[in-house]
PDB file of N, CA and C in Angstrom:
ATOM      1  N   MET A   1     -21.705 -21.792 -17.327  1.00  0.00           N
ATOM      2  CA  MET A   1     -22.251 -20.764 -16.463  1.00  0.00           C
ATOM      3  C   MET A   1     -21.223 -20.445 -15.297  1.00  0.00           C
ATOM      4  N   PRO A   2     -20.906 -19.076 -15.054  1.00  0.00           N
ATOM      5  CA  PRO A   2     -20.204 -18.580 -14.017  1.00  0.00           C
ATOM      6  C   PRO A   2     -20.642 -18.864 -12.674  1.00  0.00           C
ATOM      7  N   SER A   3     -19.929 -19.201 -11.739  1.00  0.00           N
ATOM      8  CA  SER A   3     -20.500 -19.230 -10.291  1.00  0.00           C
ATOM      9  C   SER A   3     -20.564 -17.813  -9.885  1.00  0.00           C
ATOM     10  N   PRO A   4     -21.393 -17.648  -8.857  1.00  0.00           N
ATOM     11  CA  PRO A   4     -21.474 -16.252  -8.159  1.00  0.00           C
ATOM     12  C   PRO A   4     -20.262 -15.651  -8.026  1.00  0.00           C
ATOM     13  N   GLY A   5     -19.932 -14.255  -8.094  1.00  0.00           N
ATOM     14  CA  GLY A   5     -18.904 -13.682  -7.943  1.00  0.00           C
ATOM     15  C   GLY A   5     -17.655 -13.750  -8.823  1.00  0.00           C
ATOM     16  N   GLU A   6     -18.014 -14.696 -10.031  1.00  0.00           N
ATOM     17  CA  GLU A   6     -16.999 -14.949 -10.968  1.00  0.00           C
ATOM     18  C   GLU A   6     -17.247 -14.010 -12.097  1.00  0.00           C
ATOM     19  N   THR A   7     -16.701 -14.246 -13.423  1.00  0.00           N
ATOM     20  CA  THR A   7     -16.912 -13.568 -14.580  1.00  0.00           C
ATOM     21  C   THR A   7     -18.397 -13.548 -14.857  1.00  0.00           C
ATOM     22  N   GLU A   8     -19.101 -12.405 -14.678  1.00  0.00           N
ATOM     23  CA  GLU A   8     -20.333 -12.432 -15.109  1.00  0.00           C
ATOM     24  C   GLU A   8     -20.638 -11.276 -16.193  1.00  0.00           C
ATOM     25  N   PRO A   9     -21.713 -11.474 -17.129  1.00  0.00           N
ATOM     26  CA  PRO A   9     -21.644 -10.599 -18.203  1.00  0.00           C
ATOM     27  C   PRO A   9     -22.170  -9.124 -17.691  1.00  0.00           C
ATOM     28  N   ASP A  10     -21.326  -8.365 -17.222  1.00  0.00           N
ATOM     29  CA  ASP A  10     -21.556  -7.127 -16.711  1.00  0.00           C
ATOM     30  C   ASP A  10     -20.615  -6.235 -17.329  1.00  0.00           C
ATOM     31  N   ASP A  11     -20.951  -4.960 -17.522  1.00  0.00           N
ATOM     32  CA  ASP A  11     -20.228  -3.973 -18.280  1.00  0.00           C
ATOM     33  C   ASP A  11     -19.312  -3.197 -17.069  1.00  0.00           C
ATOM     34  N   ASP A  12     -18.070  -3.594 -17.297  1.00  0.00           N
ATOM     35  CA  ASP A  12     -17.185  -3.021 -16.225  1.00  0.00           C
ATOM     36  C   ASP A  12     -17.026  -1.428 -16.247  1.00  0.00           C
ATOM     37  N   SER A  13     -17.537  -0.808 -17.381  1.00  0.00           N
ATOM     38  CA  SER A  13     -17.608   0.608 -17.477  1.00  0.00           C
ATOM     39  C   SER A  13     -18.750   1.136 -16.594  1.00  0.00           C
ATOM     40  N   THR A  14     -19.600   0.313 -15.884  1.00  0.00           N
ATOM     41  CA  THR A  14     -20.588   0.852 -15.112  1.00  0.00           C
ATOM     42  C   THR A  14     -20.069   1.103 -13.706  1.00  0.00           C
ATOM     43  N   TYR A  15     -18.829   0.499 -13.342  1.00  0.00           N
ATOM     44  CA  TYR A  15     -18.114   0.590 -12.260  1.00  0.00           C
ATOM     45  C   TYR A  15     -16.746   1.485 -12.238  1.00  0.00           C
ATOM     46  N   LEU A  16     -16.920   2.727 -11.504  1.00  0.00           N
ATOM     47  CA  LEU A  16     -15.937   3.689 -11.509  1.00  0.00           C
ATOM     48  C   LEU A  16     -14.706   3.371 -10.974  1.00  0.00           C
ATOM     49  N   ALA A  17     -13.698   3.732 -11.659  1.00  0.00           N
ATOM     50  CA  ALA A  17     -12.099   3.548 -11.096  1.00  0.00           C
ATOM     51  C   ALA A  17     -11.898   4.476 -10.062  1.00  0.00           C
ATOM     52  N   PRO A  18     -10.953   4.084  -9.166  1.00  0.00           N
ATOM     53  CA  PRO A  18     -10.663   4.998  -8.055  1.00  0.00           C
ATOM     54  C   PRO A  18     -10.370   6.510  -8.433  1.00  0.00           C
ATOM     55  N   ASP A  19      -9.645   6.662  -9.498  1.00  0.00           N
ATOM     56  CA  ASP A  19      -9.405   8.154  -9.799  1.00  0.00           C
ATOM     57  C   ASP A  19     -10.458   8.988 -10.458  1.00  0.00           C
ATOM     58  N   GLN A  20     -11.546   8.189 -10.651  1.00  0.00           N
ATOM     59  CA  GLN A  20     -12.889   8.957 -11.025  1.00  0.00           C
ATOM     60  C   GLN A  20     -13.791   9.352  -9.785  1.00  0.00           C
ATOM     61  N   LEU A  21     -13.368   9.033  -8.584  1.00  0.00           N
ATOM     62  CA  LEU A  21     -14.149   8.985  -7.347  1.00  0.00           C
ATOM     63  C   LEU A  21     -13.679  10.174  -6.562  1.00  0.00           C
ATOM     64  N   ASP A  22     -14.574  10.677  -5.781  1.00  0.00           N
ATOM     65  CA  ASP A  22     -14.310  11.955  -4.711  1.00  0.00           C
ATOM     66  C   ASP A  22     -13.738  11.143  -3.406  1.00  0.00           C
ATOM     67  N   ARG A  23     -14.220   9.762  -3.280  1.00  0.00           N
ATOM     68  CA  ARG A  23     -13.902   8.956  -2.112  1.00  0.00           C
ATOM     69  C   ARG A  23     -13.707   7.487  -2.607  1.00  0.00           C
ATOM     70  N   ARG A  24     -12.544   6.867  -2.382  1.00  0.00           N
ATOM     71  CA  ARG A  24     -12.508   5.535  -2.810  1.00  0.00           C
ATOM     72  C   ARG A  24     -13.176   4.582  -1.892  1.00  0.00           C
ATOM     73  N   ALA A  25     -13.749   3.391  -2.257  1.00  0.00           N
ATOM     74  CA  ALA A  25     -14.241   2.318  -1.730  1.00  0.00           C
ATOM     75  C   ALA A  25     -13.098   1.730  -0.679  1.00  0.00           C
ATOM     76  N   HIS A  26     -13.577   1.336   0.566  1.00  0.00           N
ATOM     77  CA  HIS A  26     -12.517   0.719   1.371  1.00  0.00           C
ATOM     78  C   HIS A  26     -13.305  -0.118   2.206  1.00  0.00           C
ATOM     79  N   ALA A  27     -12.466  -1.074   2.658  1.00  0.00           N
ATOM     80  CA  ALA A  27     -13.129  -2.239   3.643  1.00  0.00           C
ATOM     81  C   ALA A  27     -13.624  -1.748   5.030  1.00  0.00           C
ATOM     82  N   VAL A  28     -14.582  -2.091   5.392  1.00  0.00           N
ATOM     83  CA  VAL A  28     -15.251  -1.731   6.758  1.00  0.00           C
ATOM     84  C   VAL A  28     -14.180  -2.332   7.886  1.00  0.00           C
ATOM     85  N   ALA A  29     -13.953  -3.617   7.565  1.00  0.00           N
ATOM     86  CA  ALA A  29     -13.268  -4.367   8.619  1.00  0.00           C
ATOM     87  C   ALA A  29     -12.203  -5.070   8.067  1.00  0.00           C
ATOM     88  N   ALA A  30     -11.135  -5.503   8.862  1.00  0.00           N
ATOM     89  CA  ALA A  30     -10.151  -6.142   8.273  1.00  0.00           C
ATOM     90  C   ALA A  30     -10.529  -7.487   7.520  1.00  0.00           C
ATOM     91  N   ILE A  31      -9.902  -7.930   6.406  1.00  0.00           N
ATOM     92  CA  ILE A  31     -10.465  -9.099   5.776  1.00  0.00           C
ATOM     93  C   ILE A  31      -9.378 -10.196   5.862  1.00  0.00           C
ATOM     94  N   ASP A  32      -9.781 -11.362   6.493  1.00  0.00           N
ATOM     95  CA  ASP A  32      -8.889 -12.344   6.754  1.00  0.00           C
ATOM     96  C   ASP A  32      -8.863 -13.364   5.521  1.00  0.00           C
ATOM     97  N   LEU A  33      -7.526 -13.629   4.892  1.00  0.00           N
ATOM     98  CA  LEU A  33      -7.490 -14.364   3.814  1.00  0.00           C
ATOM     99  C   LEU A  33      -6.811 -15.695   4.493  1.00  0.00           C
ATOM    100  N   PRO A  34      -7.688 -16.701   4.939  1.00  0.00           N
ATOM    101  CA  PRO A  34      -7.099 -18.119   5.434  1.00  0.00           C
ATOM    102  C   PRO A  34      -6.532 -18.658   4.445  1.00  0.00           C
ATOM    103  N   TYR A  35      -5.474 -19.540   4.733  1.00  0.00           N
ATOM    104  CA  TYR A  35      -4.612 -20.311   3.932  1.00  0.00           C
ATOM    105  C   TYR A  35      -5.224 -21.828   3.924  1.00  0.00           C
ATOM    106  N   PRO A  36      -6.098 -22.329   2.948  1.00  0.00           N
ATOM    107  CA  PRO A  36      -6.714 -23.543   2.965  1.00  0.00           C
ATOM    108  C   PRO A  36      -5.825 -24.639   3.354  1.00  0.00           C
ATOM    109  N   ASP A  37      -6.100 -25.784   4.161  1.00  0.00           N
ATOM    110  CA  ASP A  37      -5.368 -26.833   4.408  1.00  0.00           C
ATOM    111  C   ASP A  37      -4.959 -27.519   3.103  1.00  0.00           C
ATOM    112  N   LEU A  38      -5.800 -27.605   1.961  1.00  0.00           N
ATOM    113  CA  LEU A  38      -5.610 -28.346   0.770  1.00  0.00           C
ATOM    114  C   LEU A  38      -4.892 -27.678  -0.226  1.00  0.00           C
ATOM    115  N   ALA A  39      -4.312 -26.311   0.102  1.00  0.00           N
ATOM    116  CA  ALA A  39      -3.447 -25.552  -0.822  1.00  0.00           C
ATOM    117  C   ALA A  39      -2.065 -26.002  -0.770  1.00  0.00           C
ATOM    118  N   PRO A  40      -1.373 -25.911  -1.882  1.00  0.00           N
ATOM    119  CA  PRO A  40       0.031 -26.289  -2.006  1.00  0.00           C
ATOM    120  C   PRO A  40       0.645 -25.407  -1.206  1.00  0.00           C
ATOM    121  N   PRO A  41       1.971 -25.942  -0.601  1.00  0.00           N
ATOM    122  CA  PRO A  41       2.799 -25.164   0.182  1.00  0.00           C
ATOM    123  C   PRO A  41       3.418 -24.105  -0.717  1.00  0.00           C
ATOM    124  N   GLY A  42       3.769 -22.869  -0.150  1.00  0.00           N
ATOM    125  CA  GLY A  42       4.416 -21.840  -0.830  1.00  0.00           C
ATOM    126  C   GLY A  42       4.114 -20.409  -0.489  1.00  0.00           C
ATOM    127  N   HIS A  43       4.445 -19.432  -1.412  1.00  0.00           N
ATOM    128  CA  HIS A  43       4.208 -18.121  -1.279  1.00  0.00           C
ATOM    129  C   HIS A  43       3.685 -17.657  -2.550  1.00  0.00           C
ATOM    130  N   PHE A  44       2.445 -17.061  -2.619  1.00  0.00           N
ATOM    131  CA  PHE A  44       1.802 -16.981  -3.779  1.00  0.00           C
ATOM    132  C   PHE A  44       1.104 -15.406  -3.806  1.00  0.00           C
ATOM    133  N   ARG A  45       1.319 -14.662  -4.857  1.00  0.00           N
ATOM    134  CA  ARG A  45       0.812 -13.380  -4.877  1.00  0.00           C
ATOM    135  C   ARG A  45      -0.102 -13.143  -6.194  1.00  0.00           C
ATOM    136  N   ALA A  46      -1.005 -12.312  -6.190  1.00  0.00           N
ATOM    137  CA  ALA A  46      -1.849 -11.960  -7.331  1.00  0.00           C
ATOM    138  C   ALA A  46      -2.601 -10.748  -7.168  1.00  0.00           C
ATOM    139  N   ALA A  47      -3.098 -10.151  -8.078  1.00  0.00           N
ATOM    140  CA  ALA A  47      -3.872  -9.033  -8.250  1.00  0.00           C
ATOM    141  C   ALA A  47      -5.401  -9.314  -8.614  1.00  0.00           C
ATOM    142  N   LEU A  48      -6.149  -8.731  -7.851  1.00  0.00           N
ATOM    143  CA  LEU A  48      -7.600  -8.903  -7.892  1.00  0.00           C
ATOM    144  C   LEU A  48      -8.231  -7.617  -8.252  1.00  0.00           C
ATOM    145  N   THR A  49      -9.209  -7.458  -8.869  1.00  0.00           N
ATOM    146  CA  THR A  49     -10.234  -6.403  -9.015  1.00  0.00           C
ATOM    147  C   THR A  49     -11.630  -6.817  -8.458  1.00  0.00           C
ATOM    148  N   LEU A  50     -11.952  -5.879  -7.500  1.00  0.00           N
ATOM    149  CA  LEU A  50     -13.138  -6.097  -6.837  1.00  0.00           C
ATOM    150  C   LEU A  50     -14.169  -5.243  -7.378  1.00  0.00           C
ATOM    151  N   PHE A  51     -15.359  -5.495  -7.748  1.00  0.00           N
ATOM    152  CA  PHE A  51     -16.524  -4.824  -8.121  1.00  0.00           C
ATOM    153  C   PHE A  51     -17.391  -4.509  -7.079  1.00  0.00           C
ATOM    154  N   ILE A  52     -17.515  -3.306  -6.621  1.00  0.00           N
ATOM    155  CA  ILE A  52     -18.234  -2.993  -5.261  1.00  0.00           C
ATOM    156  C   ILE A  52     -19.569  -2.127  -5.665  1.00  0.00           C
ATOM    157  N   GLU A  53     -20.454  -2.541  -5.259  1.00  0.00           N
ATOM    158  CA  GLU A  53     -21.912  -1.970  -5.373  1.00  0.00           C
ATOM    159  C   GLU A  53     -22.150  -0.734  -4.600  1.00  0.00           C
ATOM    160  N   HIS A  54     -23.052   0.208  -4.891  1.00  0.00           N
ATOM    161  CA  HIS A  54     -23.467   1.388  -4.333  1.00  0.00           C
ATOM    162  C   HIS A  54     -23.751   0.926  -2.629  1.00  0.00           C
ATOM    163  N   ASP A  55     -24.178  -0.266  -2.333  1.00  0.00           N
ATOM    164  CA  ASP A  55     -24.385  -0.473  -1.036  1.00  0.00           C
ATOM    165  C   ASP A  55     -23.166  -1.047  -0.218  1.00  0.00           C
ATOM    166  N   GLY A  56     -22.037  -1.300  -0.799  1.00  0.00           N
ATOM    167  CA  GLY A  56     -20.782  -1.606  -0.280  1.00  0.00           C
ATOM    168  C   GLY A  56     -20.501  -3.321  -0.400  1.00  0.00           C
ATOM    169  N   ARG A  57     -21.521  -3.880  -1.129  1.00  0.00           N
ATOM    170  CA  ARG A  57     -21.515  -5.253  -1.091  1.00  0.00           C
ATOM    171  C   ARG A  57     -20.502  -5.669  -2.407  1.00  0.00           C
ATOM    172  N   VAL A  58     -19.600  -6.524  -2.298  1.00  0.00           N
ATOM    173  CA  VAL A  58     -18.784  -7.152  -3.640  1.00  0.00           C
ATOM    174  C   VAL A  58     -19.582  -7.893  -4.219  1.00  0.00           C
ATOM    175  N   SER A  59     -19.780  -7.527  -5.571  1.00  0.00           N
ATOM    176  CA  SER A  59     -20.600  -8.298  -6.341  1.00  0.00           C
ATOM    177  C   SER A  59     -19.985  -9.278  -7.189  1.00  0.00           C
ATOM    178  N   ARG A  60     -18.547  -8.989  -7.413  1.00  0.00           N
ATOM    179  CA  ARG A  60     -17.737  -9.824  -8.414  1.00  0.00           C
ATOM    180  C   ARG A  60     -16.319  -9.658  -8.096  1.00  0.00           C
ATOM    181  N   VAL A  61     -15.473 -10.660  -8.220  1.00  0.00           N
ATOM    182  CA  VAL A  61     -14.161 -10.540  -8.047  1.00  0.00           C
ATOM    183  C   VAL A  61     -13.334 -11.315  -9.280  1.00  0.00           C
ATOM    184  N   ARG A  62     -12.497 -10.357  -9.782  1.00  0.00           N
ATOM    185  CA  ARG A  62     -11.780 -10.907 -11.087  1.00  0.00           C
ATOM    186  C   ARG A  62     -10.186 -11.051 -10.792  1.00  0.00           C
ATOM    187  N   LEU A  63      -9.563 -12.094 -11.139  1.00  0.00           N
ATOM    188  CA  LEU A  63      -8.323 -12.507 -11.024  1.00  0.00           C
ATOM    189  C   LEU A  63      -7.593 -11.703 -12.087  1.00  0.00           C
ATOM    190  N   GLU A  64      -6.568 -10.741 -11.906  1.00  0.00           N
ATOM    191  CA  GLU A  64      -5.818 -10.066 -12.898  1.00  0.00           C
ATOM    192  C   GLU A  64      -4.666 -10.576 -13.251  1.00  0.00           C
ATOM    193  N   PRO A  65      -4.456 -11.103 -14.623  1.00  0.00           N
ATOM    194  CA  PRO A  65      -3.359 -11.614 -14.863  1.00  0.00           C
ATOM    195  C   PRO A  65      -1.982 -10.539 -14.919  1.00  0.00           C
ATOM    196  N   ASP A  66      -0.748 -11.076 -14.554  1.00  0.00           N
ATOM    197  CA  ASP A  66       0.341 -10.291 -14.477  1.00  0.00           C
ATOM    198  C   ASP A  66       1.529 -11.074 -15.365  1.00  0.00           C
ATOM    199  N   PRO A  67       1.854 -10.700 -16.449  1.00  0.00           N
ATOM    200  CA  PRO A  67       2.877 -11.433 -17.183  1.00  0.00           C
ATOM    201  C   PRO A  67       4.115 -11.317 -16.545  1.00  0.00           C
ATOM    202  N   HIS A  68       4.311 -10.565 -15.614  1.00  0.00           N
ATOM    203  CA  HIS A  68       5.590 -10.544 -15.008  1.00  0.00           C
ATOM    204  C   HIS A  68       5.844 -11.261 -13.746  1.00  0.00           C
ATOM    205  N   ALA A  69       4.793 -11.628 -13.149  1.00  0.00           N
ATOM    206  CA  ALA A  69       4.768 -12.569 -11.991  1.00  0.00           C
ATOM    207  C   ALA A  69       4.858 -13.908 -12.502  1.00  0.00           C
ATOM    208  N   PRO A  70       5.545 -14.856 -11.321  1.00  0.00           N
ATOM    209  CA  PRO A  70       5.569 -16.202 -11.502  1.00  0.00           C
ATOM    210  C   PRO A  70       4.284 -16.761 -11.996  1.00  0.00           C
ATOM    211  N   GLY A  71       4.164 -17.684 -12.939  1.00  0.00           N
ATOM    212  CA  GLY A  71       2.946 -18.352 -13.294  1.00  0.00           C
ATOM    213  C   GLY A  71       1.929 -17.410 -13.903  1.00  0.00           C
ATOM    214  N   GLY A  72       2.328 -16.140 -14.094  1.00  0.00           N
ATOM    215  CA  GLY A  72       1.345 -15.169 -14.703  1.00  0.00           C
ATOM    216  C   GLY A  72       0.668 -14.523 -13.789  1.00  0.00           C
ATOM    217  N   GLY A  73       0.918 -14.722 -12.575  1.00  0.00           N
ATOM    218  CA  GLY A  73       0.050 -13.894 -11.279  1.00  0.00           C
ATOM    219  C   GLY A  73      -1.063 -14.879 -11.069  1.00  0.00           C
ATOM    220  N   ALA A  74      -1.124 -16.154 -11.539  1.00  0.00           N
ATOM    221  CA  ALA A  74      -2.432 -16.906 -11.235  1.00  0.00           C
ATOM    222  C   ALA A  74      -2.096 -17.532  -9.858  1.00  0.00           C
ATOM    223  N   LEU A  75      -3.102 -17.911  -9.174  1.00  0.00           N
ATOM    224  CA  LEU A  75      -3.301 -18.532  -7.995  1.00  0.00           C
ATOM    225  C   LEU A  75      -3.540 -19.987  -8.187  1.00  0.00           C
ATOM    226  N   PRO A  76      -3.087 -20.975  -7.318  1.00  0.00           N
ATOM    227  CA  PRO A  76      -3.729 -22.251  -7.410  1.00  0.00           C
ATOM    228  C   PRO A  76      -5.311 -22.030  -7.268  1.00  0.00           C
ATOM    229  N   PRO A  77      -6.001 -22.869  -7.861  1.00  0.00           N
ATOM    230  CA  PRO A  77      -7.366 -22.848  -7.720  1.00  0.00           C
ATOM    231  C   PRO A  77      -7.910 -22.627  -6.440  1.00  0.00           C
ATOM    232  N   VAL A  78      -7.545 -23.458  -5.362  1.00  0.00           N
ATOM    233  CA  VAL A  78      -8.098 -23.464  -4.106  1.00  0.00           C
ATOM    234  C   VAL A  78      -7.738 -22.061  -3.363  1.00  0.00           C
ATOM    235  N   LEU A  79      -6.755 -21.405  -3.620  1.00  0.00           N
ATOM    236  CA  LEU A  79      -6.367 -20.113  -3.150  1.00  0.00           C
ATOM    237  C   LEU A  79      -7.175 -19.127  -3.776  1.00  0.00           C
ATOM    238  N   GLU A  80      -7.321 -19.361  -5.056  1.00  0.00           N
ATOM    239  CA  GLU A  80      -8.311 -18.317  -5.852  1.00  0.00           C
ATOM    240  C   GLU A  80      -9.620 -18.333  -5.220  1.00  0.00           C
ATOM    241  N   ASP A  81     -10.170 -19.549  -5.007  1.00  0.00           N
ATOM    242  CA  ASP A  81     -11.482 -19.569  -4.489  1.00  0.00           C
ATOM    243  C   ASP A  81     -11.611 -19.019  -3.102  1.00  0.00           C
ATOM    244  N   SER A  82     -10.545 -19.316  -2.165  1.00  0.00           N
ATOM    245  CA  SER A  82     -10.399 -18.715  -0.802  1.00  0.00           C
ATOM    246  C   SER A  82     -10.487 -17.117  -0.851  1.00  0.00           C
ATOM    247  N   ALA A  83      -9.712 -16.574  -1.712  1.00  0.00           N
ATOM    248  CA  ALA A  83      -9.603 -15.076  -1.887  1.00  0.00           C
ATOM    249  C   ALA A  83     -10.900 -14.559  -2.315  1.00  0.00           C
ATOM    250  N   ARG A  84     -11.670 -15.247  -3.326  1.00  0.00           N
ATOM    251  CA  ARG A  84     -12.891 -14.786  -3.765  1.00  0.00           C
ATOM    252  C   ARG A  84     -14.043 -14.800  -2.865  1.00  0.00           C
ATOM    253  N   GLN A  85     -13.948 -15.984  -2.301  1.00  0.00           N
ATOM    254  CA  GLN A  85     -15.094 -16.121  -1.001  1.00  0.00           C
ATOM    255  C   GLN A  85     -14.915 -15.032  -0.007  1.00  0.00           C
ATOM    256  N   ALA A  86     -13.495 -14.994   0.521  1.00  0.00           N
ATOM    257  CA  ALA A  86     -13.362 -13.875   1.631  1.00  0.00           C
ATOM    258  C   ALA A  86     -13.765 -12.461   1.131  1.00  0.00           C
ATOM    259  N   PHE A  87     -13.727 -11.977   0.032  1.00  0.00           N
ATOM    260  CA  PHE A  87     -13.973 -10.714  -0.563  1.00  0.00           C
ATOM    261  C   PHE A  87     -15.423 -10.765  -0.836  1.00  0.00           C
ATOM    262  N   LEU A  88     -16.165 -11.708  -1.303  1.00  0.00           N
ATOM    263  CA  LEU A  88     -17.492 -11.694  -1.516  1.00  0.00           C
ATOM    264  C   LEU A  88     -18.325 -11.623  -0.282  1.00  0.00           C
ATOM    265  N   ALA A  89     -17.763 -12.113   0.838  1.00  0.00           N
ATOM    266  CA  ALA A  89     -18.367 -12.031   2.234  1.00  0.00           C
ATOM    267  C   ALA A  89     -17.959 -10.832   2.998  1.00  0.00           C
ATOM    268  N   SER A  90     -17.139  -9.935   2.433  1.00  0.00           N
ATOM    269  CA  SER A  90     -16.831  -8.527   3.003  1.00  0.00           C
ATOM    270  C   SER A  90     -17.731  -7.548   2.685  1.00  0.00           C
ATOM    271  N   LEU A  91     -17.790  -6.615   3.695  1.00  0.00           N
ATOM    272  CA  LEU A  91     -18.539  -5.360   3.234  1.00  0.00           C
ATOM    273  C   LEU A  91     -17.588  -4.076   3.232  1.00  0.00           C
ATOM    274  N   PHE A  92     -17.790  -3.234   2.344  1.00  0.00           N
ATOM    275  CA  PHE A  92     -17.117  -2.039   2.055  1.00  0.00           C
ATOM    276  C   PHE A  92     -17.714  -0.915   2.135  1.00  0.00           C
ATOM    277  N   ALA A  93     -17.090   0.262   2.565  1.00  0.00           N
ATOM    278  CA  ALA A  93     -17.737   1.610   2.414  1.00  0.00           C
ATOM    279  C   ALA A  93     -17.759   1.978   1.066  1.00  0.00           C
ATOM    280  N   PRO A  94     -18.777   2.305   0.210  1.00  0.00           N
ATOM    281  CA  PRO A  94     -18.736   2.302  -1.100  1.00  0.00           C
ATOM    282  C   PRO A  94     -18.106   3.633  -1.435  1.00  0.00           C
ATOM    283  N   GLY A  95     -17.478   3.462  -2.796  1.00  0.00           N
ATOM    284  CA  GLY A  95     -17.117   4.826  -3.356  1.00  0.00           C
ATOM    285  C   GLY A  95     -18.079   5.833  -3.464  1.00  0.00           C
ATOM    286  N   GLU A  96     -17.651   7.238  -3.397  1.00  0.00           N
ATOM    287  CA  GLU A  96     -18.547   8.369  -3.501  1.00  0.00           C
ATOM    288  C   GLU A  96     -18.070   9.227  -4.624  1.00  0.00           C
ATOM    289  N   LEU A  97     -19.151   9.665  -5.306  1.00  0.00           N
ATOM    290  CA  LEU A  97     -18.987  10.632  -6.313  1.00  0.00           C
ATOM    291  C   LEU A  97     -20.049  11.899  -6.141  1.00  0.00           C
ATOM    292  N   GLY A  98     -19.718  12.937  -5.973  1.00  0.00           N
ATOM    293  CA  GLY A  98     -20.622  14.205  -5.610  1.00  0.00           C
ATOM    294  C   GLY A  98     -21.523  13.914  -4.469  1.00  0.00           C
ATOM    295  N   GLY A  99     -20.953  13.301  -3.490  1.00  0.00           N
ATOM    296  CA  GLY A  99     -21.637  12.903  -2.253  1.00  0.00           C
ATOM    297  C   GLY A  99     -22.666  11.912  -2.256  1.00  0.00           C
ATOM    298  N   ARG A 100     -22.652  10.966  -3.379  1.00  0.00           N
ATOM    299  CA  ARG A 100     -23.469   9.946  -3.543  1.00  0.00           C
ATOM    300  C   ARG A 100     -22.828   8.666  -3.707  1.00  0.00           C
ATOM    301  N   ALA A 101     -23.106   7.503  -3.117  1.00  0.00           N
ATOM    302  CA  ALA A 101     -22.610   6.208  -3.250  1.00  0.00           C
ATOM    303  C   ALA A 101     -22.759   5.671  -4.761  1.00  0.00           C
ATOM    304  N   VAL A 102     -21.569   5.106  -5.173  1.00  0.00           N
ATOM    305  CA  VAL A 102     -21.713   4.782  -6.454  1.00  0.00           C
ATOM    306  C   VAL A 102     -20.939   3.502  -6.625  1.00  0.00           C
ATOM    307  N   ARG A 103     -21.225   2.741  -7.932  1.00  0.00           N
ATOM    308  CA  ARG A 103     -20.512   1.400  -8.027  1.00  0.00           C
ATOM    309  C   ARG A 103     -18.990   1.717  -8.357  1.00  0.00           C
ATOM    310  N   SER A 104     -18.163   1.007  -7.990  1.00  0.00           N
ATOM    311  CA  SER A 104     -16.539   1.379  -8.265  1.00  0.00           C
ATOM    312  C   SER A 104     -16.057  -0.096  -8.319  1.00  0.00           C
ATOM    313  N   ARG A 105     -14.876   0.062  -8.727  1.00  0.00           N
ATOM    314  CA  ARG A 105     -13.911  -1.120  -8.780  1.00  0.00           C
ATOM    315  C   ARG A 105     -12.698  -0.644  -8.070  1.00  0.00           C
ATOM    316  N   LEU A 106     -12.036  -1.766  -7.515  1.00  0.00           N
ATOM    317  CA  LEU A 106     -10.867  -1.473  -6.864  1.00  0.00           C
ATOM    318  C   LEU A 106      -9.728  -2.571  -6.940  1.00  0.00           C
ATOM    319  N   ARG A 107      -8.622  -2.356  -7.332  1.00  0.00           N
ATOM    320  CA  ARG A 107      -7.572  -3.290  -7.646  1.00  0.00           C
ATOM    321  C   ARG A 107      -6.608  -3.509  -6.440  1.00  0.00           C
ATOM    322  N   ILE A 108      -6.609  -4.654  -5.942  1.00  0.00           N
ATOM    323  CA  ILE A 108      -5.997  -4.952  -4.774  1.00  0.00           C
ATOM    324  C   ILE A 108      -5.011  -6.176  -5.124  1.00  0.00           C
ATOM    325  N   GLU A 109      -3.927  -6.295  -4.363  1.00  0.00           N
ATOM    326  CA  GLU A 109      -2.987  -7.407  -4.303  1.00  0.00           C
ATOM    327  C   GLU A 109      -3.027  -8.199  -3.178  1.00  0.00           C
ATOM    328  N   VAL A 110      -2.985  -9.476  -3.403  1.00  0.00           N
ATOM    329  CA  VAL A 110      -3.219 -10.478  -2.176  1.00  0.00           C
ATOM    330  C   VAL A 110      -2.036 -11.351  -2.130  1.00  0.00           C
ATOM    331  N   GLU A 111      -1.665 -11.658  -1.121  1.00  0.00           N
ATOM    332  CA  GLU A 111      -0.467 -12.642  -0.650  1.00  0.00           C
ATOM    333  C   GLU A 111      -0.895 -13.666   0.108  1.00  0.00           C
ATOM    334  N   PHE A 112      -0.574 -14.946  -0.085  1.00  0.00           N
ATOM    335  CA  PHE A 112      -0.685 -16.104   0.644  1.00  0.00           C
ATOM    336  C   PHE A 112       0.602 -16.673   1.066  1.00  0.00           C
ATOM    337  N   ARG A 113       0.868 -17.165   2.180  1.00  0.00           N
ATOM    338  CA  ARG A 113       2.053 -17.707   2.638  1.00  0.00           C
ATOM    339  C   ARG A 113       1.613 -18.824   3.555  1.00  0.00           C
ATOM    340  N   ASP A 114       2.319 -19.928   3.565  1.00  0.00           N
ATOM    341  CA  ASP A 114       1.853 -21.139   4.222  1.00  0.00           C
ATOM    342  C   ASP A 114       2.444 -21.180   5.493  1.00  0.00           C
ATOM    343  N   ASP A 115       3.266 -20.072   6.005  1.00  0.00           N
ATOM    344  CA  ASP A 115       3.839 -20.222   7.306  1.00  0.00           C
ATOM    345  C   ASP A 115       3.178 -19.571   8.474  1.00  0.00           C
TER     346      ASP A 115
END
């Protein structure tokens, strides 16, 4: 059973892509991605897709594989969890279509550095 915010049986097509919107979803405030004490040292990058509800709440975060990135774009589990929790706790201004707030998805890149 997936934990909240992980892969849930939801139809991705019910979330509009940025190019389908009149106004893209965007974070209401800066989002801090802390580097956990238990994370391995280094520099890590990955792409995530955020699934944003019409009320601006992030309901799901999916790690996107990147075959060209070191390690396939994967993050160490502790960093993946840190990113997931940070975005699930964040509020977004929802995407809009025709003047109405709608469900949308947003692909973002995250970077962790231990310095």
